[in-house]
Amino acid sequence: MRCPFCAHEDSQVKDSRPAEDGSAIRRRRQCDGCGARFTTFERVQLREVTVIKSDGKGQSFNRSKLEQSITLACRKRGIEQERIDQLVSGIQRQLETSGDSEVPAARIGALVMEGLQRLDSVAYIRFASVYRDFGDPKDFEEFAGSVRDAAQPD
């Protein structure tokens, strides 16, 4: 593993442990060149997934991009990072095991919406405001009302 600080080619693994509900391995490493310590994560990748954007262009699935957008929706909501990691891992697993090598971005958005709906209603509304491109406060109000109504028992 190349050192992110000095680009030296070799490093030693100092500690390994399961992470993200057992779907990844967290490794603590030390560079043989400069002695710096850094952490890496190893995940099983079942297949290469290409995301087809709304304009028809394709790009490789980027787990960190997905994690960043979910984390942003959950910001200041008191949601543990472990729960976000589990949601991201679950979505990635669904995409990789679906059998499709090309997945529309809208399908990923729908999976995120489902996960956030179960996780936190405010994060769900935040993500929806970007995903559904709310252009007017009334759009926001109507969606929040539908979330409130769905959460209230009859």
Protein backbone atom coordinates (compact mmCIF):
# COMPACT_ATOMS: atom_id res chain seq x y z
CA MET A 1 0.00 0.00 0.00
CA ARG A 2 1.43 3.34 -1.04
CA CYS A 3 1.91 5.91 1.73
CA PRO A 4 -0.39 8.96 1.27
CA PHE A 5 2.26 11.20 2.87
CA CYS A 6 5.53 10.29 1.11
CA ALA A 7 4.34 7.90 -1.66
CA HIS A 8 6.68 5.14 -0.42
CA GLU A 9 5.55 1.78 -1.82
CA ASP A 10 5.67 -0.33 1.35
CA SER A 11 3.80 -0.18 4.63
CA GLN A 12 3.22 -2.55 7.52
CA VAL A 13 -0.18 -3.52 8.84
CA LYS A 14 -0.21 -2.73 12.57
CA ASP A 15 -3.85 -3.60 13.33
CA SER A 16 -6.79 -5.17 11.48
CA ARG A 17 -10.40 -5.35 12.58
CA PRO A 18 -13.85 -5.70 11.05
CA ALA A 19 -15.69 -2.48 10.24
CA GLU A 20 -19.08 -1.42 8.89
CA ASP A 21 -21.01 -4.33 10.31
CA GLY A 22 -18.47 -6.85 9.04
CA SER A 23 -18.67 -5.76 5.40
CA ALA A 24 -15.20 -4.18 5.45
CA ILE A 25 -11.83 -4.58 7.11
CA ARG A 26 -10.18 -1.58 8.74
CA ARG A 27 -6.39 -1.73 8.66
CA ARG A 28 -4.06 0.58 10.57
CA ARG A 29 -0.78 0.88 8.67
CA GLN A 30 2.65 2.42 9.20
CA CYS A 31 4.85 3.57 6.33
CA ASP A 32 8.28 1.91 6.12
CA GLY A 33 9.70 5.11 4.59
CA CYS A 34 8.54 8.03 6.74
CA GLY A 35 6.95 6.22 9.68
CA ALA A 36 3.57 7.94 9.27
CA ARG A 37 0.45 6.04 10.28
CA PHE A 38 -2.72 5.88 8.22
CA THR A 39 -5.91 3.83 7.96
CA THR A 40 -7.23 1.88 4.99
CA PHE A 41 -10.51 0.06 4.44
CA GLU A 42 -10.94 -3.07 2.35
CA ARG A 43 -14.36 -4.01 0.97
CA VAL A 44 -15.56 -6.84 -1.20
CA GLN A 45 -16.51 -5.63 -4.65
CA LEU A 46 -18.73 -8.12 -6.42
CA ARG A 47 -18.89 -6.33 -9.75
CA GLU A 48 -18.16 -3.02 -11.42
CA VAL A 49 -21.29 -0.89 -11.45
CA THR A 50 -21.73 1.96 -13.89
CA VAL A 51 -24.15 4.72 -12.93
CA ILE A 52 -26.17 6.10 -15.86
CA LYS A 53 -26.89 9.77 -15.25
CA SER A 54 -30.05 11.53 -16.44
CA ASP A 55 -28.15 12.94 -19.44
CA GLY A 56 -27.29 9.40 -20.56
CA LYS A 57 -23.60 9.54 -19.61
CA GLY A 58 -22.16 6.76 -17.52
CA GLN A 59 -19.63 6.90 -14.72
CA SER A 60 -18.24 4.34 -12.29
CA PHE A 61 -20.11 3.92 -9.03
CA ASN A 62 -18.37 5.95 -6.35
CA ARG A 63 -19.08 4.78 -2.81
CA SER A 64 -17.56 7.88 -1.23
CA LYS A 65 -19.84 10.15 -3.28
CA LEU A 66 -22.87 8.24 -2.06
CA GLU A 67 -21.62 8.35 1.53
CA GLN A 68 -20.96 12.09 1.27
CA SER A 69 -24.49 12.89 0.07
CA ILE A 70 -26.08 10.76 2.79
CA THR A 71 -23.80 12.26 5.46
CA LEU A 72 -24.75 15.75 4.30
CA ALA A 73 -28.46 14.94 4.61
CA CYS A 74 -27.83 13.54 8.12
CA ARG A 75 -25.66 16.43 9.29
CA LYS A 76 -26.41 17.62 12.83
CA ARG A 77 -29.08 14.95 13.28
CA GLY A 78 -27.20 12.87 15.86
CA ILE A 79 -27.06 9.83 13.62
CA GLU A 80 -24.07 7.63 14.32
CA GLN A 81 -21.56 7.24 11.49
CA GLU A 82 -21.89 3.47 11.84
CA ARG A 83 -25.57 3.64 10.85
CA ILE A 84 -24.70 5.77 7.81
CA ASP A 85 -21.98 3.26 6.87
CA GLN A 86 -24.49 0.42 7.17
CA LEU A 87 -26.93 2.25 4.90
CA VAL A 88 -24.23 2.94 2.30
CA SER A 89 -22.99 -0.67 2.46
CA GLY A 90 -26.54 -1.97 2.09
CA ILE A 91 -27.18 0.18 -0.99
CA GLN A 92 -23.85 -0.81 -2.52
CA ARG A 93 -24.58 -4.50 -1.85
CA GLN A 94 -28.02 -4.20 -3.48
CA LEU A 95 -26.47 -2.60 -6.57
CA GLU A 96 -23.70 -5.19 -6.86
CA THR A 97 -25.98 -8.18 -6.38
CA SER A 98 -28.76 -6.93 -8.66
CA GLY A 99 -27.13 -8.51 -11.71
CA ASP A 100 -27.10 -5.22 -13.63
CA SER A 101 -23.76 -3.69 -14.52
CA GLU A 102 -25.47 -0.41 -15.45
CA VAL A 103 -27.77 1.26 -12.93
CA PRO A 104 -29.74 4.48 -13.48
CA ALA A 105 -28.89 7.25 -11.01
CA ALA A 106 -32.61 7.52 -10.25
CA ARG A 107 -32.59 3.96 -8.87
CA ILE A 108 -29.74 4.83 -6.50
CA GLY A 109 -31.63 7.93 -5.42
CA ALA A 110 -34.73 5.85 -4.73
CA LEU A 111 -32.69 3.39 -2.62
CA VAL A 112 -31.25 6.30 -0.62
CA MET A 113 -34.74 7.74 -0.14
CA GLU A 114 -36.00 4.37 1.18
CA GLY A 115 -33.08 4.05 3.57
CA LEU A 116 -33.31 7.61 4.88
CA GLN A 117 -37.05 7.31 5.35
CA ARG A 118 -36.42 4.47 7.80
CA LEU A 119 -33.41 6.20 9.39
CA ASP A 120 -34.50 9.80 10.02
CA SER A 121 -37.42 11.85 8.67
CA VAL A 122 -35.52 15.16 8.63
CA ALA A 123 -32.58 13.64 6.72
CA TYR A 124 -35.15 12.08 4.38
CA ILE A 125 -36.74 15.47 3.69
CA ARG A 126 -33.33 17.13 3.24
CA PHE A 127 -32.23 14.54 0.70
CA ALA A 128 -35.59 14.68 -1.09
CA SER A 129 -35.32 18.46 -1.46
CA VAL A 130 -32.19 18.01 -3.56
CA TYR A 131 -33.10 14.70 -5.22
CA ARG A 132 -36.54 15.90 -6.31
CA ASP A 133 -35.22 19.41 -7.01
CA PHE A 134 -37.66 21.41 -4.93
CA GLY A 135 -37.90 24.79 -6.62
CA ASP A 136 -40.41 26.45 -4.36
CA PRO A 137 -41.02 26.48 -0.59
CA LYS A 138 -44.48 25.06 -1.32
CA ASP A 139 -42.86 21.89 -2.77
CA PHE A 140 -40.93 21.51 0.48
CA GLU A 141 -44.04 22.12 2.58
CA GLU A 142 -46.14 19.58 0.66
CA PHE A 143 -43.47 16.89 0.90
CA ALA A 144 -42.88 17.51 4.61
CA GLY A 145 -46.65 17.34 5.14
CA SER A 146 -46.85 13.98 3.40
CA VAL A 147 -44.00 12.67 5.57
CA ARG A 148 -45.75 13.96 8.71
CA ASP A 149 -49.07 12.42 7.67
CA ALA A 150 -47.44 9.05 6.93
CA ALA A 151 -45.78 9.04 10.36
CA GLN A 152 -48.96 9.79 12.30
CA PRO A 153 -50.96 6.75 13.42
CA ASP A 154 -54.64 6.75 12.48
